[in-house]
Amino acid sequence: MRLTIDTDKCSGHGRCYSLAPDFFDCDDEGFPVILKSELDATDVAAVKDAVANCPERAIALVEGA
């Protein structure tokens, strides 16, 4: 699985880096930065809460590389 952010949708609420700080950080303007995009099964379980809580649905888990 691969983690992605649609930067056109993101408003920088910060839920992703609050809920999954091992996978997201923020830039100088408060928008998320992905720290690890290629995920194994354990990683997917750790980021699902962040994906589900994105108000704009800007975060996605994508099959494949």
PDB file of N, CA and C in Angstrom:
ATOM      1  N   MET A   1       0.849  -1.185   0.000  1.00  0.00           N
ATOM      2  CA  MET A   1       0.000   0.000   0.000  1.00  0.00           C
ATOM      3  C   MET A   1       0.892   1.246   0.000  1.00  0.00           C
ATOM      4  N   ARG A   2       0.332   2.292  -0.571  1.00  0.00           N
ATOM      5  CA  ARG A   2       1.046   3.561  -0.645  1.00  0.00           C
ATOM      6  C   ARG A   2       0.150   4.653  -0.066  1.00  0.00           C
ATOM      7  N   LEU A   3       0.736   5.540   0.684  1.00  0.00           N
ATOM      8  CA  LEU A   3       0.033   6.647   1.326  1.00  0.00           C
ATOM      9  C   LEU A   3       0.187   7.891   0.452  1.00  0.00           C
ATOM     10  N   THR A   4      -0.937   8.580   0.192  1.00  0.00           N
ATOM     11  CA  THR A   4      -0.888   9.797  -0.625  1.00  0.00           C
ATOM     12  C   THR A   4      -1.710  10.909   0.025  1.00  0.00           C
ATOM     13  N   ILE A   5      -1.397  12.145  -0.344  1.00  0.00           N
ATOM     14  CA  ILE A   5      -2.174  13.312   0.084  1.00  0.00           C
ATOM     15  C   ILE A   5      -2.504  14.124  -1.165  1.00  0.00           C
ATOM     16  N   ASP A   6      -3.773  14.443  -1.327  1.00  0.00           N
ATOM     17  CA  ASP A   6      -4.197  15.336  -2.410  1.00  0.00           C
ATOM     18  C   ASP A   6      -4.054  16.756  -1.871  1.00  0.00           C
ATOM     19  N   THR A   7      -2.986  17.429  -2.263  1.00  0.00           N
ATOM     20  CA  THR A   7      -2.693  18.760  -1.721  1.00  0.00           C
ATOM     21  C   THR A   7      -3.713  19.810  -2.157  1.00  0.00           C
ATOM     22  N   ASP A   8      -4.455  19.534  -3.227  1.00  0.00           N
ATOM     23  CA  ASP A   8      -5.508  20.464  -3.646  1.00  0.00           C
ATOM     24  C   ASP A   8      -6.704  20.426  -2.698  1.00  0.00           C
ATOM     25  N   LYS A   9      -6.922  19.296  -2.051  1.00  0.00           N
ATOM     26  CA  LYS A   9      -8.042  19.147  -1.113  1.00  0.00           C
ATOM     27  C   LYS A   9      -7.676  19.535   0.315  1.00  0.00           C
ATOM     28  N   CYS A  10      -6.419  19.344   0.682  1.00  0.00           N
ATOM     29  CA  CYS A  10      -5.981  19.532   2.068  1.00  0.00           C
ATOM     30  C   CYS A  10      -6.089  20.999   2.504  1.00  0.00           C
ATOM     31  N   SER A  11      -6.650  21.201   3.707  1.00  0.00           N
ATOM     32  CA  SER A  11      -6.747  22.542   4.295  1.00  0.00           C
ATOM     33  C   SER A  11      -5.813  22.722   5.479  1.00  0.00           C
ATOM     34  N   GLY A  12      -5.046  21.695   5.818  1.00  0.00           N
ATOM     35  CA  GLY A  12      -4.059  21.807   6.885  1.00  0.00           C
ATOM     36  C   GLY A  12      -4.618  21.749   8.295  1.00  0.00           C
ATOM     37  N   HIS A  13      -5.653  20.950   8.510  1.00  0.00           N
ATOM     38  CA  HIS A  13      -6.227  20.817   9.856  1.00  0.00           C
ATOM     39  C   HIS A  13      -5.263  20.165  10.845  1.00  0.00           C
ATOM     40  N   GLY A  14      -4.391  19.298  10.360  1.00  0.00           N
ATOM     41  CA  GLY A  14      -3.379  18.683  11.217  1.00  0.00           C
ATOM     42  C   GLY A  14      -3.795  17.412  11.910  1.00  0.00           C
ATOM     43  N   ARG A  15      -4.948  16.888  11.608  1.00  0.00           N
ATOM     44  CA  ARG A  15      -5.375  15.647  12.253  1.00  0.00           C
ATOM     45  C   ARG A  15      -4.454  14.488  11.904  1.00  0.00           C
ATOM     46  N   CYS A  16      -3.980  14.453  10.673  1.00  0.00           N
ATOM     47  CA  CYS A  16      -3.134  13.339  10.244  1.00  0.00           C
ATOM     48  C   CYS A  16      -1.854  13.266  11.066  1.00  0.00           C
ATOM     49  N   TYR A  17      -1.158  14.389  11.219  1.00  0.00           N
ATOM     50  CA  TYR A  17       0.090  14.321  11.981  1.00  0.00           C
ATOM     51  C   TYR A  17      -0.145  14.268  13.482  1.00  0.00           C
ATOM     52  N   SER A  18      -1.332  14.606  13.937  1.00  0.00           N
ATOM     53  CA  SER A  18      -1.669  14.407  15.348  1.00  0.00           C
ATOM     54  C   SER A  18      -1.971  12.940  15.642  1.00  0.00           C
ATOM     55  N   LEU A  19      -2.653  12.281  14.709  1.00  0.00           N
ATOM     56  CA  LEU A  19      -3.075  10.893  14.905  1.00  0.00           C
ATOM     57  C   LEU A  19      -2.019   9.864  14.503  1.00  0.00           C
ATOM     58  N   ALA A  20      -1.148  10.215  13.573  1.00  0.00           N
ATOM     59  CA  ALA A  20      -0.124   9.274  13.099  1.00  0.00           C
ATOM     60  C   ALA A  20       1.210  10.000  12.902  1.00  0.00           C
ATOM     61  N   PRO A  21       1.818  10.446  13.996  1.00  0.00           N
ATOM     62  CA  PRO A  21       3.046  11.245  13.888  1.00  0.00           C
ATOM     63  C   PRO A  21       4.255  10.495  13.329  1.00  0.00           C
ATOM     64  N   ASP A  22       4.209   9.173  13.309  1.00  0.00           N
ATOM     65  CA  ASP A  22       5.308   8.415  12.715  1.00  0.00           C
ATOM     66  C   ASP A  22       5.255   8.434  11.191  1.00  0.00           C
ATOM     67  N   PHE A  23       4.126   8.850  10.640  1.00  0.00           N
ATOM     68  CA  PHE A  23       3.929   8.812   9.194  1.00  0.00           C
ATOM     69  C   PHE A  23       3.729  10.185   8.565  1.00  0.00           C
ATOM     70  N   PHE A  24       3.359  11.171   9.385  1.00  0.00           N
ATOM     71  CA  PHE A  24       3.130  12.530   8.895  1.00  0.00           C
ATOM     72  C   PHE A  24       3.854  13.541   9.768  1.00  0.00           C
ATOM     73  N   ASP A  25       4.301  14.595   9.143  1.00  0.00           N
ATOM     74  CA  ASP A  25       4.818  15.761   9.854  1.00  0.00           C
ATOM     75  C   ASP A  25       4.150  16.964   9.192  1.00  0.00           C
ATOM     76  N   CYS A  26       4.492  18.158   9.628  1.00  0.00           N
ATOM     77  CA  CYS A  26       3.907  19.332   8.978  1.00  0.00           C
ATOM     78  C   CYS A  26       5.022  20.227   8.451  1.00  0.00           C
ATOM     79  N   ASP A  27       4.683  20.963   7.395  1.00  0.00           N
ATOM     80  CA  ASP A  27       5.639  21.924   6.860  1.00  0.00           C
ATOM     81  C   ASP A  27       5.534  23.233   7.642  1.00  0.00           C
ATOM     82  N   ASP A  28       6.228  24.245   7.212  1.00  0.00           N
ATOM     83  CA  ASP A  28       6.255  25.528   7.928  1.00  0.00           C
ATOM     84  C   ASP A  28       4.905  26.242   7.948  1.00  0.00           C
ATOM     85  N   GLU A  29       3.995  25.842   7.050  1.00  0.00           N
ATOM     86  CA  GLU A  29       2.681  26.471   6.985  1.00  0.00           C
ATOM     87  C   GLU A  29       1.583  25.598   7.593  1.00  0.00           C
ATOM     88  N   GLY A  30       1.957  24.466   8.184  1.00  0.00           N
ATOM     89  CA  GLY A  30       0.986  23.597   8.846  1.00  0.00           C
ATOM     90  C   GLY A  30       0.365  22.528   7.974  1.00  0.00           C
ATOM     91  N   PHE A  31       0.841  22.392   6.744  1.00  0.00           N
ATOM     92  CA  PHE A  31       0.317  21.364   5.856  1.00  0.00           C
ATOM     93  C   PHE A  31       1.122  20.075   6.026  1.00  0.00           C
ATOM     94  N   PRO A  32       0.474  18.924   5.840  1.00  0.00           N
ATOM     95  CA  PRO A  32       1.148  17.655   6.104  1.00  0.00           C
ATOM     96  C   PRO A  32       2.218  17.305   5.082  1.00  0.00           C
ATOM     97  N   VAL A  33       3.206  16.590   5.584  1.00  0.00           N
ATOM     98  CA  VAL A  33       4.279  16.018   4.784  1.00  0.00           C
ATOM     99  C   VAL A  33       4.309  14.531   5.135  1.00  0.00           C
ATOM    100  N   ILE A  34       4.328  13.683   4.127  1.00  0.00           N
ATOM    101  CA  ILE A  34       4.386  12.239   4.365  1.00  0.00           C
ATOM    102  C   ILE A  34       5.825  11.855   4.684  1.00  0.00           C
ATOM    103  N   LEU A  35       6.003  11.162   5.790  1.00  0.00           N
ATOM    104  CA  LEU A  35       7.330  10.711   6.199  1.00  0.00           C
ATOM    105  C   LEU A  35       7.669   9.334   5.648  1.00  0.00           C
ATOM    106  N   LYS A  36       6.643   8.518   5.437  1.00  0.00           N
ATOM    107  CA  LYS A  36       6.840   7.159   4.927  1.00  0.00           C
ATOM    108  C   LYS A  36       5.657   6.836   4.020  1.00  0.00           C
ATOM    109  N   SER A  37       5.885   6.741   2.722  1.00  0.00           N
ATOM    110  CA  SER A  37       4.762   6.537   1.807  1.00  0.00           C
ATOM    111  C   SER A  37       4.480   5.073   1.500  1.00  0.00           C
ATOM    112  N   GLU A  38       5.504   4.225   1.449  1.00  0.00           N
ATOM    113  CA  GLU A  38       5.306   2.800   1.190  1.00  0.00           C
ATOM    114  C   GLU A  38       5.028   2.101   2.518  1.00  0.00           C
ATOM    115  N   LEU A  39       3.869   1.451   2.618  1.00  0.00           N
ATOM    116  CA  LEU A  39       3.421   0.891   3.889  1.00  0.00           C
ATOM    117  C   LEU A  39       3.246  -0.613   3.830  1.00  0.00           C
ATOM    118  N   ASP A  40       3.608  -1.278   4.929  1.00  0.00           N
ATOM    119  CA  ASP A  40       3.302  -2.696   5.066  1.00  0.00           C
ATOM    120  C   ASP A  40       2.008  -2.822   5.869  1.00  0.00           C
ATOM    121  N   ALA A  41       1.566  -4.026   6.144  1.00  0.00           N
ATOM    122  CA  ALA A  41       0.278  -4.250   6.811  1.00  0.00           C
ATOM    123  C   ALA A  41       0.216  -3.596   8.194  1.00  0.00           C
ATOM    124  N   THR A  42       1.295  -3.628   8.943  1.00  0.00           N
ATOM    125  CA  THR A  42       1.327  -3.012  10.269  1.00  0.00           C
ATOM    126  C   THR A  42       1.193  -1.495  10.158  1.00  0.00           C
ATOM    127  N   ASP A  43       1.882  -0.910   9.171  1.00  0.00           N
ATOM    128  CA  ASP A  43       1.804   0.535   8.950  1.00  0.00           C
ATOM    129  C   ASP A  43       0.387   0.957   8.561  1.00  0.00           C
ATOM    130  N   VAL A  44      -0.256   0.174   7.703  1.00  0.00           N
ATOM    131  CA  VAL A  44      -1.611   0.502   7.251  1.00  0.00           C
ATOM    132  C   VAL A  44      -2.550   0.593   8.442  1.00  0.00           C
ATOM    133  N   ALA A  45      -2.452  -0.336   9.352  1.00  0.00           N
ATOM    134  CA  ALA A  45      -3.292  -0.315  10.547  1.00  0.00           C
ATOM    135  C   ALA A  45      -3.043   0.952  11.366  1.00  0.00           C
ATOM    136  N   ALA A  46      -1.794   1.419  11.398  1.00  0.00           N
ATOM    137  CA  ALA A  46      -1.439   2.602  12.185  1.00  0.00           C
ATOM    138  C   ALA A  46      -1.949   3.901  11.566  1.00  0.00           C
ATOM    139  N   VAL A  47      -2.129   3.959  10.244  1.00  0.00           N
ATOM    140  CA  VAL A  47      -2.560   5.205   9.598  1.00  0.00           C
ATOM    141  C   VAL A  47      -4.051   5.253   9.275  1.00  0.00           C
ATOM    142  N   LYS A  48      -4.760   4.145   9.431  1.00  0.00           N
ATOM    143  CA  LYS A  48      -6.184   4.121   9.064  1.00  0.00           C
ATOM    144  C   LYS A  48      -7.002   5.165   9.824  1.00  0.00           C
ATOM    145  N   ASP A  49      -6.691   5.421  11.062  1.00  0.00           N
ATOM    146  CA  ASP A  49      -7.420   6.418  11.844  1.00  0.00           C
ATOM    147  C   ASP A  49      -7.190   7.815  11.271  1.00  0.00           C
ATOM    148  N   ALA A  50      -5.976   8.100  10.867  1.00  0.00           N
ATOM    149  CA  ALA A  50      -5.673   9.406  10.263  1.00  0.00           C
ATOM    150  C   ALA A  50      -6.402   9.562   8.929  1.00  0.00           C
ATOM    151  N   VAL A  51      -6.419   8.517   8.133  1.00  0.00           N
ATOM    152  CA  VAL A  51      -7.127   8.552   6.846  1.00  0.00           C
ATOM    153  C   VAL A  51      -8.618   8.798   7.079  1.00  0.00           C
ATOM    154  N   ALA A  52      -9.191   8.079   8.020  1.00  0.00           N
ATOM    155  CA  ALA A  52     -10.633   8.188   8.290  1.00  0.00           C
ATOM    156  C   ALA A  52     -11.022   9.539   8.886  1.00  0.00           C
ATOM    157  N   ASN A  53     -10.094  10.204   9.559  1.00  0.00           N
ATOM    158  CA  ASN A  53     -10.418  11.463  10.231  1.00  0.00           C
ATOM    159  C   ASN A  53     -10.040  12.713   9.454  1.00  0.00           C
ATOM    160  N   CYS A  54      -9.601  12.566   8.223  1.00  0.00           N
ATOM    161  CA  CYS A  54      -9.292  13.738   7.395  1.00  0.00           C
ATOM    162  C   CYS A  54     -10.607  14.364   6.939  1.00  0.00           C
ATOM    163  N   PRO A  55     -10.901  15.612   7.340  1.00  0.00           N
ATOM    164  CA  PRO A  55     -12.178  16.226   7.002  1.00  0.00           C
ATOM    165  C   PRO A  55     -12.400  16.425   5.500  1.00  0.00           C
ATOM    166  N   GLU A  56     -11.324  16.594   4.744  1.00  0.00           N
ATOM    167  CA  GLU A  56     -11.448  16.798   3.299  1.00  0.00           C
ATOM    168  C   GLU A  56     -11.294  15.513   2.504  1.00  0.00           C
ATOM    169  N   ARG A  57     -11.001  14.415   3.183  1.00  0.00           N
ATOM    170  CA  ARG A  57     -10.711  13.138   2.516  1.00  0.00           C
ATOM    171  C   ARG A  57      -9.551  13.304   1.540  1.00  0.00           C
ATOM    172  N   ALA A  58      -8.545  14.045   1.988  1.00  0.00           N
ATOM    173  CA  ALA A  58      -7.366  14.317   1.162  1.00  0.00           C
ATOM    174  C   ALA A  58      -6.317  13.213   1.247  1.00  0.00           C
ATOM    175  N   ILE A  59      -6.417  12.360   2.263  1.00  0.00           N
ATOM    176  CA  ILE A  59      -5.440  11.278   2.459  1.00  0.00           C
ATOM    177  C   ILE A  59      -6.034   9.995   1.909  1.00  0.00           C
ATOM    178  N   ALA A  60      -5.193   9.232   1.212  1.00  0.00           N
ATOM    179  CA  ALA A  60      -5.668   7.969   0.670  1.00  0.00           C
ATOM    180  C   ALA A  60      -4.611   6.889   0.795  1.00  0.00           C
ATOM    181  N   LEU A  61      -5.081   5.665   0.924  1.00  0.00           N
ATOM    182  CA  LEU A  61      -4.243   4.485   0.834  1.00  0.00           C
ATOM    183  C   LEU A  61      -4.490   3.875  -0.536  1.00  0.00           C
ATOM    184  N   VAL A  62      -3.432   3.722  -1.313  1.00  0.00           N
ATOM    185  CA  VAL A  62      -3.540   3.249  -2.685  1.00  0.00           C
ATOM    186  C   VAL A  62      -2.840   1.916  -2.821  1.00  0.00           C
ATOM    187  N   GLU A  63      -3.492   0.968  -3.488  1.00  0.00           N
ATOM    188  CA  GLU A  63      -2.902  -0.344  -3.736  1.00  0.00           C
ATOM    189  C   GLU A  63      -1.709  -0.214  -4.681  1.00  0.00           C
ATOM    190  N   GLY A  64      -0.699  -1.042  -4.452  1.00  0.00           N
ATOM    191  CA  GLY A  64       0.437  -1.086  -5.358  1.00  0.00           C
ATOM    192  C   GLY A  64       1.453   0.000  -5.104  1.00  0.00           C
ATOM    193  N   ALA A  65       2.439   0.034  -5.976  1.00  0.00           N
ATOM    194  CA  ALA A  65       3.540   0.986  -5.807  1.00  0.00           C
ATOM    195  C   ALA A  65       3.399   2.190  -6.612  1.00  0.00           C
TER     196      ALA A  65
END
